Each structure stands twice: as C-alpha cells, then as structure tokens.
C-alpha cells in the first residue's frame, strides 16, 4: 500500500497542450497544468510562475533543448522500475509520469529540427 496515492496525470491533455505549443511555436499557449508538470522535470530551474517560464522559453528551441537534456526525458522508466516511487505516490500516478515523459520524447522528435 502506498503512503500517499496521488491522482494520475491527465497525460492526453498535457501532451496535447505541449504539442500545441511546439506546433505553433508559441509559448503563450502553454497552460498552467502543463507548465507545472514540465517545470517539475529534472534539470529545470525555478521560474516562480507560468509567466516567468514563458519569458524564459520565448525561443521554443531552448525549451526543446532543455526537455531533451532532462534526466526524466532520458530515463522516465525509473518511475516504474524503482519500487520506491510506487510506494510513495501510487502505481497509477507513476505510470502516468512515465507516459507523460515518453510522450514528450515523441513530441520533441517531431519538432527538434
């Protein structure tokens, strides 16, 4: 039994929003839920809020680069490989994190040109 079960991420909505940002190359289309999850990825600095994040990533190429350099991007599977995560947060939440990060990998592959 997990210590704290966290509701799984709405992966489809998050990835749809990130794809919209990449497709339009417009960081102002980034919504708060997607910002929250992306900003929690390893390697991202504290931007304090959505608006600071948008200011930092006006150049979508910089966002793509930082996404690709995140340890979460390179090894999302650790959230299901390491039993500690499931014990702490619940297996459904951990699987949603993996699905989100793997979805980011696919989106970056499309727009990283």
N, C-alpha and C. Protein backbone atom coordinates (compact mmCIF):
# COMPACT_ATOMS: atom_id res chain seq x y z
N UNK A 1 0.85 -1.18 0.00
CA UNK A 1 0.00 0.00 0.00
C UNK A 1 0.89 1.24 0.00
N UNK A 2 0.54 2.21 -0.81
CA UNK A 2 1.36 3.41 -0.90
C UNK A 2 1.10 4.33 0.28
N UNK A 3 2.12 5.11 0.62
CA UNK A 3 2.00 6.09 1.69
C UNK A 3 1.05 7.21 1.28
N UNK A 4 1.15 7.61 0.03
CA UNK A 4 0.35 8.72 -0.46
C UNK A 4 0.00 8.43 -1.92
N UNK A 5 -1.25 8.21 -2.19
CA UNK A 5 -1.66 7.97 -3.56
C UNK A 5 -2.03 9.30 -4.18
N UNK A 6 -1.37 9.62 -5.28
CA UNK A 6 -1.61 10.87 -5.98
C UNK A 6 -2.40 10.54 -7.25
N UNK A 7 -3.36 11.38 -7.56
CA UNK A 7 -4.18 11.19 -8.75
C UNK A 7 -3.28 11.19 -9.98
N UNK A 8 -3.49 10.24 -10.89
CA UNK A 8 -2.67 10.20 -12.12
C UNK A 8 -2.83 11.49 -12.94
N UNK A 9 -1.80 11.79 -13.69
CA UNK A 9 -1.82 12.96 -14.57
C UNK A 9 -2.79 12.73 -15.72
N UNK A 10 -3.36 13.82 -16.21
CA UNK A 10 -4.18 13.76 -17.43
C UNK A 10 -3.18 13.88 -18.59
N UNK A 11 -2.55 12.79 -18.91
CA UNK A 11 -1.46 12.76 -19.87
C UNK A 11 -1.89 13.28 -21.24
N UNK A 12 -3.05 12.87 -21.69
CA UNK A 12 -3.51 13.30 -23.01
C UNK A 12 -3.63 14.82 -23.08
N UNK A 13 -4.23 15.43 -22.09
CA UNK A 13 -4.39 16.89 -22.08
C UNK A 13 -3.05 17.59 -22.01
N UNK A 14 -2.15 17.10 -21.18
CA UNK A 14 -0.82 17.71 -21.04
C UNK A 14 -0.05 17.64 -22.36
N UNK A 15 -0.05 16.47 -22.98
CA UNK A 15 0.69 16.31 -24.23
C UNK A 15 0.05 17.09 -25.37
N UNK A 16 -1.27 17.15 -25.38
CA UNK A 16 -1.94 17.96 -26.41
C UNK A 16 -1.54 19.42 -26.28
N UNK A 17 -1.45 19.93 -25.05
CA UNK A 17 -1.06 21.32 -24.87
C UNK A 17 0.39 21.54 -25.28
N UNK A 18 1.28 20.63 -24.88
CA UNK A 18 2.68 20.78 -25.26
C UNK A 18 2.84 20.69 -26.77
N UNK A 19 2.11 19.81 -27.40
CA UNK A 19 2.16 19.70 -28.86
C UNK A 19 1.68 21.01 -29.51
N UNK A 20 0.65 21.61 -28.96
CA UNK A 20 0.15 22.89 -29.49
C UNK A 20 1.22 23.97 -29.39
N UNK A 21 1.91 24.02 -28.27
CA UNK A 21 3.00 24.99 -28.08
C UNK A 21 4.07 24.78 -29.15
N UNK A 22 4.46 23.54 -29.36
CA UNK A 22 5.51 23.24 -30.33
C UNK A 22 5.05 23.51 -31.76
N UNK A 23 3.84 23.06 -32.07
CA UNK A 23 3.31 23.21 -33.42
C UNK A 23 3.19 24.68 -33.81
N UNK A 24 2.71 25.50 -32.89
CA UNK A 24 2.52 26.93 -33.18
C UNK A 24 3.77 27.74 -32.90
N UNK A 25 4.74 27.10 -32.20
CA UNK A 25 5.97 27.78 -31.77
C UNK A 25 5.62 29.03 -30.95
N UNK A 26 4.58 28.88 -30.11
CA UNK A 26 4.06 29.99 -29.31
C UNK A 26 3.97 29.56 -27.85
N UNK A 27 4.92 29.99 -27.06
CA UNK A 27 4.97 29.62 -25.64
C UNK A 27 3.78 30.17 -24.86
N UNK A 28 3.14 31.21 -25.38
CA UNK A 28 1.98 31.77 -24.68
C UNK A 28 0.79 30.81 -24.67
N UNK A 29 0.84 29.76 -25.46
CA UNK A 29 -0.22 28.75 -25.48
C UNK A 29 -0.02 27.71 -24.38
N UNK A 30 1.11 27.76 -23.69
CA UNK A 30 1.38 26.83 -22.59
C UNK A 30 0.43 27.13 -21.44
N UNK A 31 -0.32 26.12 -21.01
CA UNK A 31 -1.25 26.33 -19.91
C UNK A 31 -0.61 25.96 -18.56
N UNK A 32 -1.29 26.31 -17.50
CA UNK A 32 -0.73 26.12 -16.16
C UNK A 32 -0.49 24.64 -15.82
N UNK A 33 -1.43 23.72 -16.10
CA UNK A 33 -1.15 22.32 -15.77
C UNK A 33 0.09 21.77 -16.48
N UNK A 34 0.25 22.11 -17.75
CA UNK A 34 1.42 21.62 -18.49
C UNK A 34 2.68 22.28 -17.96
N UNK A 35 2.63 23.59 -17.72
CA UNK A 35 3.77 24.28 -17.13
C UNK A 35 4.18 23.61 -15.82
N UNK A 36 3.21 23.30 -14.99
CA UNK A 36 3.52 22.71 -13.68
C UNK A 36 4.28 21.41 -13.84
N UNK A 37 3.82 20.54 -14.72
CA UNK A 37 4.49 19.24 -14.90
C UNK A 37 5.85 19.37 -15.57
N UNK A 38 5.95 20.22 -16.57
CA UNK A 38 7.24 20.40 -17.26
C UNK A 38 8.25 21.03 -16.31
N UNK A 39 7.82 22.02 -15.54
CA UNK A 39 8.76 22.71 -14.66
C UNK A 39 9.26 21.81 -13.53
N UNK A 40 8.54 20.73 -13.26
CA UNK A 40 8.97 19.78 -12.23
C UNK A 40 9.98 18.76 -12.76
N UNK A 41 10.19 18.74 -14.06
CA UNK A 41 11.16 17.80 -14.63
C UNK A 41 12.57 18.13 -14.14
N UNK A 42 13.36 17.10 -13.98
CA UNK A 42 14.73 17.32 -13.53
C UNK A 42 15.47 18.20 -14.53
N UNK A 43 16.27 19.09 -14.00
CA UNK A 43 17.06 19.98 -14.84
C UNK A 43 16.44 21.33 -15.09
N UNK A 44 15.16 21.47 -14.79
CA UNK A 44 14.51 22.76 -14.97
C UNK A 44 14.69 23.60 -13.70
N UNK A 45 14.97 24.87 -13.90
CA UNK A 45 15.15 25.77 -12.76
C UNK A 45 13.79 26.32 -12.32
N UNK A 46 13.77 26.88 -11.15
CA UNK A 46 12.53 27.52 -10.66
C UNK A 46 12.31 28.81 -11.43
N UNK A 47 11.16 28.92 -12.04
CA UNK A 47 10.80 30.13 -12.76
C UNK A 47 9.77 30.93 -11.98
N UNK A 48 9.36 30.41 -10.84
CA UNK A 48 8.43 31.04 -9.92
C UNK A 48 6.98 31.00 -10.37
N UNK A 49 6.73 31.11 -11.68
CA UNK A 49 5.36 31.01 -12.15
C UNK A 49 5.33 30.78 -13.66
N UNK A 50 4.15 30.60 -14.17
CA UNK A 50 3.95 30.35 -15.59
C UNK A 50 4.53 31.47 -16.45
N UNK A 51 4.36 32.70 -16.01
CA UNK A 51 4.80 33.84 -16.82
C UNK A 51 6.32 33.93 -16.89
N UNK A 52 7.00 33.61 -15.80
CA UNK A 52 8.45 33.56 -15.82
C UNK A 52 8.96 32.45 -16.73
N UNK A 53 8.25 31.31 -16.72
CA UNK A 53 8.61 30.20 -17.59
C UNK A 53 8.45 30.60 -19.05
N UNK A 54 7.32 31.24 -19.35
CA UNK A 54 7.08 31.69 -20.73
C UNK A 54 8.16 32.67 -21.17
N UNK A 55 8.54 33.59 -20.29
CA UNK A 55 9.59 34.55 -20.64
C UNK A 55 10.91 33.85 -20.93
N UNK A 56 11.21 32.84 -20.13
CA UNK A 56 12.46 32.10 -20.31
C UNK A 56 12.49 31.33 -21.63
N UNK A 57 11.34 30.82 -22.04
CA UNK A 57 11.29 29.95 -23.21
C UNK A 57 10.56 30.58 -24.40
N UNK A 58 10.78 31.88 -24.62
CA UNK A 58 10.25 32.53 -25.82
C UNK A 58 10.75 31.83 -27.07
N UNK A 59 11.98 31.35 -27.00
CA UNK A 59 12.54 30.57 -28.11
C UNK A 59 12.21 29.10 -27.84
N UNK A 60 11.32 28.55 -28.64
CA UNK A 60 10.87 27.17 -28.44
C UNK A 60 12.04 26.19 -28.57
N UNK A 61 13.04 26.55 -29.35
CA UNK A 61 14.23 25.70 -29.47
C UNK A 61 14.92 25.51 -28.13
N UNK A 62 14.92 26.54 -27.29
CA UNK A 62 15.51 26.42 -25.95
C UNK A 62 14.71 25.44 -25.09
N UNK A 63 13.40 25.50 -25.21
CA UNK A 63 12.55 24.56 -24.46
C UNK A 63 12.80 23.13 -24.93
N UNK A 64 12.86 22.94 -26.23
CA UNK A 64 13.13 21.60 -26.77
C UNK A 64 14.47 21.07 -26.26
N UNK A 65 15.47 21.91 -26.27
CA UNK A 65 16.80 21.52 -25.80
C UNK A 65 16.77 21.14 -24.32
N UNK A 66 16.12 21.95 -23.49
CA UNK A 66 16.07 21.64 -22.06
C UNK A 66 15.23 20.41 -21.77
N UNK A 67 14.16 20.20 -22.53
CA UNK A 67 13.39 18.96 -22.37
C UNK A 67 14.28 17.75 -22.67
N UNK A 68 14.99 17.81 -23.78
CA UNK A 68 15.83 16.69 -24.20
C UNK A 68 17.00 16.44 -23.24
N UNK A 69 17.41 17.44 -22.50
CA UNK A 69 18.51 17.29 -21.56
C UNK A 69 18.07 16.85 -20.16
N UNK A 70 16.78 16.75 -19.96
CA UNK A 70 16.27 16.35 -18.65
C UNK A 70 16.50 14.85 -18.42
N UNK A 71 16.87 14.50 -17.21
CA UNK A 71 17.01 13.09 -16.86
C UNK A 71 15.68 12.37 -16.98
N UNK A 72 14.59 13.07 -16.76
CA UNK A 72 13.27 12.45 -16.90
C UNK A 72 13.00 12.08 -18.36
N UNK A 73 13.48 12.89 -19.26
CA UNK A 73 13.35 12.63 -20.70
C UNK A 73 14.13 11.38 -21.07
N UNK A 74 15.32 11.25 -20.51
CA UNK A 74 16.22 10.15 -20.85
C UNK A 74 15.90 8.85 -20.12
N UNK A 75 15.24 8.95 -18.95
CA UNK A 75 15.00 7.73 -18.17
C UNK A 75 13.69 7.82 -17.41
N UNK A 76 12.61 7.96 -18.12
CA UNK A 76 11.29 8.03 -17.49
C UNK A 76 10.93 6.71 -16.80
N UNK A 77 11.44 5.63 -17.30
CA UNK A 77 11.08 4.32 -16.79
C UNK A 77 11.47 4.12 -15.32
N UNK A 78 12.34 4.95 -14.82
CA UNK A 78 12.75 4.78 -13.41
C UNK A 78 11.58 4.93 -12.46
N UNK A 79 10.55 5.65 -12.89
CA UNK A 79 9.38 5.84 -12.03
C UNK A 79 8.58 4.55 -11.85
N UNK A 80 8.75 3.60 -12.75
CA UNK A 80 8.10 2.31 -12.56
C UNK A 80 9.11 1.21 -12.25
N UNK A 81 10.37 1.45 -12.56
CA UNK A 81 11.43 0.46 -12.29
C UNK A 81 11.80 0.45 -10.81
N UNK A 82 11.81 1.61 -10.19
CA UNK A 82 12.19 1.72 -8.78
C UNK A 82 10.92 1.65 -7.92
N UNK A 83 10.77 0.61 -7.11
CA UNK A 83 9.55 0.45 -6.33
C UNK A 83 9.30 1.57 -5.31
N UNK A 84 10.32 2.32 -4.97
CA UNK A 84 10.14 3.42 -4.02
C UNK A 84 9.08 4.41 -4.50
N UNK A 85 9.12 4.74 -5.80
CA UNK A 85 8.16 5.72 -6.33
C UNK A 85 6.73 5.24 -6.16
N UNK A 86 6.47 3.99 -6.51
CA UNK A 86 5.11 3.44 -6.37
C UNK A 86 4.68 3.41 -4.91
N UNK A 87 5.61 3.08 -4.03
CA UNK A 87 5.28 3.05 -2.61
C UNK A 87 4.95 4.45 -2.09
N UNK A 88 5.64 5.43 -2.59
CA UNK A 88 5.44 6.81 -2.14
C UNK A 88 4.20 7.47 -2.75
N UNK A 89 3.99 7.23 -4.05
CA UNK A 89 3.00 8.01 -4.79
C UNK A 89 1.87 7.21 -5.40
N UNK A 90 2.01 5.91 -5.50
CA UNK A 90 0.98 5.08 -6.12
C UNK A 90 1.38 4.70 -7.54
N UNK A 91 1.05 3.49 -7.92
CA UNK A 91 1.48 2.99 -9.23
C UNK A 91 0.82 3.72 -10.40
N UNK A 92 -0.44 4.08 -10.25
CA UNK A 92 -1.12 4.77 -11.36
C UNK A 92 -0.49 6.13 -11.64
N UNK A 93 -0.16 6.85 -10.59
CA UNK A 93 0.49 8.14 -10.77
C UNK A 93 1.86 7.95 -11.43
N UNK A 94 2.62 6.99 -10.96
CA UNK A 94 3.94 6.75 -11.53
C UNK A 94 3.85 6.38 -13.00
N UNK A 95 2.89 5.55 -13.35
CA UNK A 95 2.73 5.17 -14.76
C UNK A 95 2.35 6.39 -15.59
N UNK A 96 1.53 7.28 -15.03
CA UNK A 96 1.16 8.48 -15.78
C UNK A 96 2.37 9.39 -16.00
N UNK A 97 3.28 9.45 -15.04
CA UNK A 97 4.52 10.22 -15.23
C UNK A 97 5.35 9.63 -16.37
N UNK A 98 5.47 8.32 -16.38
CA UNK A 98 6.22 7.65 -17.44
C UNK A 98 5.57 7.93 -18.79
N UNK A 99 4.27 7.81 -18.85
CA UNK A 99 3.56 8.06 -20.11
C UNK A 99 3.74 9.51 -20.56
N UNK A 100 3.71 10.44 -19.62
CA UNK A 100 3.90 11.85 -19.95
C UNK A 100 5.31 12.09 -20.50
N UNK A 101 6.31 11.59 -19.83
CA UNK A 101 7.69 11.80 -20.27
C UNK A 101 7.96 11.10 -21.60
N UNK A 102 7.43 9.91 -21.78
CA UNK A 102 7.61 9.22 -23.06
C UNK A 102 6.89 9.95 -24.18
N UNK A 103 5.76 10.57 -23.87
CA UNK A 103 5.07 11.39 -24.85
C UNK A 103 5.87 12.62 -25.23
N UNK A 104 6.55 13.21 -24.26
CA UNK A 104 7.42 14.35 -24.54
C UNK A 104 8.53 13.95 -25.50
N UNK A 105 9.09 12.77 -25.30
CA UNK A 105 10.14 12.27 -26.19
C UNK A 105 9.63 12.25 -27.64
N UNK A 106 8.42 11.78 -27.84
CA UNK A 106 7.84 11.71 -29.18
C UNK A 106 7.61 13.10 -29.76
N UNK A 107 7.11 14.01 -28.95
CA UNK A 107 6.86 15.39 -29.42
C UNK A 107 8.17 16.06 -29.78
N UNK A 108 9.18 15.94 -28.95
CA UNK A 108 10.48 16.56 -29.23
C UNK A 108 11.06 16.00 -30.54
N UNK A 109 10.88 14.71 -30.77
CA UNK A 109 11.40 14.11 -32.00
C UNK A 109 10.75 14.74 -33.23
N UNK A 110 9.50 15.13 -33.12
CA UNK A 110 8.80 15.75 -34.25
C UNK A 110 9.31 17.17 -34.51
N UNK A 111 9.51 17.94 -33.44
CA UNK A 111 9.79 19.37 -33.60
C UNK A 111 11.26 19.77 -33.43
N UNK A 112 12.11 18.81 -33.13
CA UNK A 112 13.53 19.11 -32.95
C UNK A 112 14.23 19.11 -34.30
N UNK A 113 14.13 20.22 -34.99
CA UNK A 113 14.77 20.31 -36.31
C UNK A 113 15.56 21.58 -36.46
